N, C-alpha and C. Protein backbone atom coordinates (compact mmCIF):
# COMPACT_ATOMS: atom_id res chain seq x y z
N ILE A 1 108.42 106.23 89.62
CA ILE A 1 109.87 106.14 89.54
C ILE A 1 110.33 106.40 88.12
N ARG A 2 109.65 105.83 87.14
CA ARG A 2 110.08 105.98 85.75
C ARG A 2 110.13 107.43 85.31
N ALA A 3 109.21 108.25 85.77
CA ALA A 3 109.13 109.64 85.35
C ALA A 3 110.05 110.56 86.15
N SER A 4 110.70 110.05 87.18
CA SER A 4 111.55 110.88 88.03
C SER A 4 112.87 111.19 87.34
N ASP A 5 113.32 112.43 87.53
CA ASP A 5 114.61 112.85 86.98
C ASP A 5 115.76 112.59 87.94
N GLY A 6 115.47 112.44 89.22
CA GLY A 6 116.50 112.20 90.22
C GLY A 6 115.85 111.82 91.54
N PHE A 7 116.69 111.47 92.50
CA PHE A 7 116.19 110.94 93.77
C PHE A 7 116.97 111.49 94.95
N LEU A 8 116.25 111.80 96.02
CA LEU A 8 116.84 112.09 97.32
C LEU A 8 116.56 110.88 98.18
N LEU A 9 117.58 110.16 98.54
CA LEU A 9 117.44 108.96 99.36
C LEU A 9 117.84 109.31 100.79
N VAL A 10 116.91 109.16 101.72
CA VAL A 10 117.11 109.63 103.09
C VAL A 10 116.97 108.49 104.08
N CYS A 11 117.89 108.47 105.04
CA CYS A 11 117.77 107.53 106.15
C CYS A 11 117.96 108.29 107.46
N ASP A 12 117.52 107.68 108.53
CA ASP A 12 117.64 108.22 109.89
C ASP A 12 118.94 107.67 110.48
N LEU A 13 119.85 108.55 110.84
CA LEU A 13 121.15 108.13 111.38
C LEU A 13 121.03 107.37 112.70
N THR A 14 119.88 107.47 113.35
CA THR A 14 119.68 106.78 114.63
C THR A 14 118.87 105.49 114.49
N ASN A 15 118.62 105.07 113.23
CA ASN A 15 117.78 103.90 113.01
C ASN A 15 118.33 103.10 111.83
N MET A 16 119.02 102.01 112.11
CA MET A 16 119.68 101.22 111.07
C MET A 16 118.69 100.66 110.05
N SER A 17 117.48 100.34 110.46
CA SER A 17 116.52 99.76 109.51
C SER A 17 116.18 100.73 108.39
N THR A 18 116.22 102.02 108.65
CA THR A 18 115.95 103.00 107.59
C THR A 18 117.08 103.01 106.57
N PHE A 19 118.28 102.71 106.99
CA PHE A 19 119.42 102.60 106.08
C PHE A 19 119.31 101.30 105.28
N GLU A 20 118.97 100.22 105.94
CA GLU A 20 118.86 98.93 105.27
C GLU A 20 117.78 98.95 104.18
N ILE A 21 116.68 99.64 104.41
CA ILE A 21 115.60 99.67 103.43
C ILE A 21 116.00 100.43 102.17
N LEU A 22 117.02 101.26 102.25
CA LEU A 22 117.49 101.97 101.06
C LEU A 22 117.92 101.00 99.96
N LYS A 23 118.44 99.86 100.34
CA LYS A 23 118.84 98.85 99.35
C LYS A 23 117.65 98.42 98.51
N THR A 24 116.50 98.26 99.16
CA THR A 24 115.28 97.89 98.45
C THR A 24 114.85 99.01 97.51
N PHE A 25 114.90 100.25 97.99
CA PHE A 25 114.53 101.39 97.14
C PHE A 25 115.44 101.49 95.93
N VAL A 26 116.73 101.33 96.13
CA VAL A 26 117.68 101.42 95.02
C VAL A 26 117.41 100.32 94.01
N HIS A 27 117.12 99.12 94.48
CA HIS A 27 116.79 98.02 93.59
C HIS A 27 115.54 98.36 92.76
N GLU A 28 114.52 98.90 93.41
CA GLU A 28 113.29 99.28 92.71
C GLU A 28 113.55 100.37 91.67
N ILE A 29 114.38 101.33 92.03
CA ILE A 29 114.72 102.40 91.08
C ILE A 29 115.42 101.81 89.86
N LYS A 30 116.41 100.97 90.10
CA LYS A 30 117.16 100.38 88.98
C LYS A 30 116.27 99.53 88.10
N MET A 31 115.34 98.81 88.68
CA MET A 31 114.44 97.97 87.89
C MET A 31 113.47 98.81 87.07
N ASN A 32 112.97 99.89 87.65
CA ASN A 32 111.98 100.72 86.95
C ASN A 32 112.60 101.72 85.99
N LYS A 33 113.78 102.21 86.30
CA LYS A 33 114.46 103.15 85.41
C LYS A 33 115.20 102.39 84.31
N GLU A 34 115.47 101.12 84.55
CA GLU A 34 116.18 100.26 83.62
C GLU A 34 117.56 100.80 83.24
N VAL A 35 118.18 101.47 84.21
CA VAL A 35 119.54 101.98 84.05
C VAL A 35 120.30 101.76 85.34
N GLU A 36 121.60 101.69 85.25
CA GLU A 36 122.43 101.55 86.45
C GLU A 36 122.74 102.90 87.08
N LYS A 37 122.82 103.96 86.27
CA LYS A 37 123.18 105.28 86.77
C LYS A 37 121.97 106.21 86.70
N PHE A 38 121.75 106.95 87.75
CA PHE A 38 120.68 107.93 87.81
C PHE A 38 121.07 108.99 88.83
N PRO A 39 120.64 110.24 88.63
CA PRO A 39 121.00 111.30 89.57
C PRO A 39 120.37 111.06 90.94
N CYS A 40 121.18 111.17 91.97
CA CYS A 40 120.65 111.02 93.32
C CYS A 40 121.59 111.67 94.33
N VAL A 41 121.06 111.87 95.51
CA VAL A 41 121.81 112.35 96.67
C VAL A 41 121.43 111.45 97.84
N LEU A 42 122.41 111.01 98.59
CA LEU A 42 122.18 110.18 99.77
C LEU A 42 122.28 111.06 101.01
N ILE A 43 121.25 111.01 101.85
CA ILE A 43 121.16 111.89 103.01
C ILE A 43 120.97 111.08 104.28
N GLY A 44 121.83 111.32 105.25
CA GLY A 44 121.65 110.78 106.59
C GLY A 44 121.09 111.90 107.44
N ASN A 45 119.86 111.77 107.91
CA ASN A 45 119.21 112.84 108.66
C ASN A 45 119.21 112.55 110.16
N LYS A 46 118.83 113.53 110.92
CA LYS A 46 118.79 113.51 112.39
C LYS A 46 120.20 113.56 112.97
N LEU A 47 121.07 114.32 112.33
CA LEU A 47 122.43 114.47 112.85
C LEU A 47 122.42 115.08 114.25
N ASP A 48 121.41 115.89 114.54
CA ASP A 48 121.30 116.49 115.87
C ASP A 48 121.09 115.45 116.97
N LEU A 49 120.58 114.27 116.61
CA LEU A 49 120.36 113.20 117.59
C LEU A 49 121.44 112.12 117.55
N ALA A 50 122.35 112.22 116.61
CA ALA A 50 123.31 111.15 116.36
C ALA A 50 124.57 111.29 117.22
N ASP A 51 124.38 111.36 118.53
CA ASP A 51 125.54 111.37 119.41
C ASP A 51 126.10 109.95 119.49
N ASN A 52 127.12 109.75 120.28
CA ASN A 52 127.80 108.45 120.34
C ASN A 52 126.90 107.29 120.75
N THR A 53 125.89 107.55 121.56
CA THR A 53 125.05 106.45 122.05
C THR A 53 123.87 106.16 121.13
N ARG A 54 123.39 107.13 120.39
CA ARG A 54 122.19 106.92 119.56
C ARG A 54 122.49 106.67 118.09
N ARG A 55 123.65 107.04 117.63
CA ARG A 55 123.97 106.89 116.20
C ARG A 55 124.10 105.42 115.85
N LYS A 56 123.41 105.00 114.80
CA LYS A 56 123.46 103.62 114.33
C LYS A 56 124.06 103.50 112.93
N VAL A 57 124.02 104.56 112.14
CA VAL A 57 124.54 104.55 110.77
C VAL A 57 125.72 105.52 110.72
N THR A 58 126.88 105.03 110.31
CA THR A 58 128.07 105.87 110.28
C THR A 58 128.23 106.57 108.93
N LEU A 59 129.00 107.62 108.93
CA LEU A 59 129.32 108.32 107.68
C LEU A 59 130.06 107.37 106.74
N LYS A 60 130.90 106.52 107.28
CA LYS A 60 131.62 105.55 106.47
C LYS A 60 130.64 104.62 105.74
N GLU A 61 129.62 104.15 106.44
CA GLU A 61 128.61 103.28 105.82
C GLU A 61 127.86 104.00 104.71
N LEU A 62 127.52 105.26 104.95
CA LEU A 62 126.83 106.05 103.93
C LEU A 62 127.71 106.19 102.69
N LYS A 63 128.96 106.53 102.90
CA LYS A 63 129.88 106.74 101.77
C LYS A 63 130.12 105.44 101.00
N GLU A 64 130.27 104.34 101.70
CA GLU A 64 130.46 103.04 101.03
C GLU A 64 129.24 102.66 100.20
N PHE A 65 128.05 102.90 100.74
CA PHE A 65 126.83 102.61 100.01
C PHE A 65 126.72 103.50 98.77
N ALA A 66 127.04 104.77 98.92
CA ALA A 66 127.00 105.69 97.78
C ALA A 66 128.00 105.28 96.70
N GLU A 67 129.15 104.81 97.12
CA GLU A 67 130.18 104.38 96.16
C GLU A 67 129.78 103.11 95.43
N LYS A 68 129.31 102.12 96.17
CA LYS A 68 129.03 100.81 95.59
C LYS A 68 127.69 100.74 94.86
N GLU A 69 126.67 101.33 95.42
CA GLU A 69 125.31 101.17 94.89
C GLU A 69 124.81 102.37 94.09
N LEU A 70 125.42 103.54 94.31
CA LEU A 70 124.87 104.76 93.73
C LEU A 70 125.88 105.54 92.90
N ASN A 71 126.87 104.86 92.39
CA ASN A 71 127.85 105.47 91.49
C ASN A 71 128.45 106.77 92.03
N HIS A 72 128.87 106.70 93.29
CA HIS A 72 129.58 107.82 93.92
C HIS A 72 128.72 109.08 94.04
N CYS A 73 127.45 108.93 94.33
CA CYS A 73 126.59 110.11 94.47
C CYS A 73 127.02 110.91 95.71
N PRO A 74 126.65 112.20 95.75
CA PRO A 74 126.98 113.03 96.93
C PRO A 74 126.30 112.48 98.19
N VAL A 75 126.99 112.64 99.32
CA VAL A 75 126.48 112.19 100.61
C VAL A 75 126.46 113.39 101.56
N PHE A 76 125.35 113.56 102.26
CA PHE A 76 125.22 114.62 103.26
C PHE A 76 124.69 114.04 104.54
N GLU A 77 125.13 114.60 105.65
CA GLU A 77 124.53 114.34 106.94
C GLU A 77 123.85 115.64 107.36
N THR A 78 122.55 115.56 107.64
CA THR A 78 121.77 116.77 107.88
C THR A 78 120.98 116.67 109.18
N SER A 79 120.41 117.80 109.53
CA SER A 79 119.43 117.84 110.61
C SER A 79 118.27 118.70 110.12
N ALA A 80 117.14 118.07 109.87
CA ALA A 80 115.96 118.83 109.47
C ALA A 80 115.48 119.71 110.63
N LYS A 81 115.73 119.27 111.84
CA LYS A 81 115.30 120.02 113.02
C LYS A 81 116.04 121.35 113.13
N THR A 82 117.36 121.31 112.94
CA THR A 82 118.15 122.54 113.07
C THR A 82 118.39 123.22 111.72
N GLY A 83 118.14 122.51 110.63
CA GLY A 83 118.39 123.04 109.29
C GLY A 83 119.81 122.83 108.81
N LEU A 84 120.64 122.15 109.59
CA LEU A 84 122.04 121.94 109.25
C LEU A 84 122.18 121.24 107.91
N LEU A 85 122.82 121.89 106.95
CA LEU A 85 123.13 121.39 105.60
C LEU A 85 121.92 121.07 104.73
N CYS A 86 120.71 121.42 105.16
CA CYS A 86 119.53 121.14 104.34
C CYS A 86 119.55 121.95 103.04
N LYS A 87 119.91 123.20 103.13
CA LYS A 87 119.97 124.05 101.92
C LYS A 87 120.99 123.51 100.94
N GLU A 88 122.13 123.07 101.45
CA GLU A 88 123.21 122.56 100.61
C GLU A 88 122.79 121.31 99.84
N VAL A 89 121.96 120.50 100.41
CA VAL A 89 121.47 119.29 99.72
C VAL A 89 120.76 119.68 98.43
N PHE A 90 119.93 120.71 98.49
CA PHE A 90 119.15 121.10 97.32
C PHE A 90 119.95 121.94 96.33
N GLU A 91 121.02 122.53 96.78
CA GLU A 91 121.87 123.31 95.87
C GLU A 91 122.73 122.38 95.05
């Protein structure tokens, strides 16, 4: 973590526990980097599966987390399966 220049933080939009564990990762990053601000992108993946019945993490929750915990970092919802917005994340 200390040697990292930035972070891609990814959760599964259909699995709330993957979103909840991000809090632990962010805490670890802050403790090891010893700074409050660091470059990162927050990604909600599996958008292709996130229909009304399977989606557990909302875009609102992602944006609120990015605002409060990650100093307004960019937020993307992607699908690795279809490639939706994957290129944009890295650009």
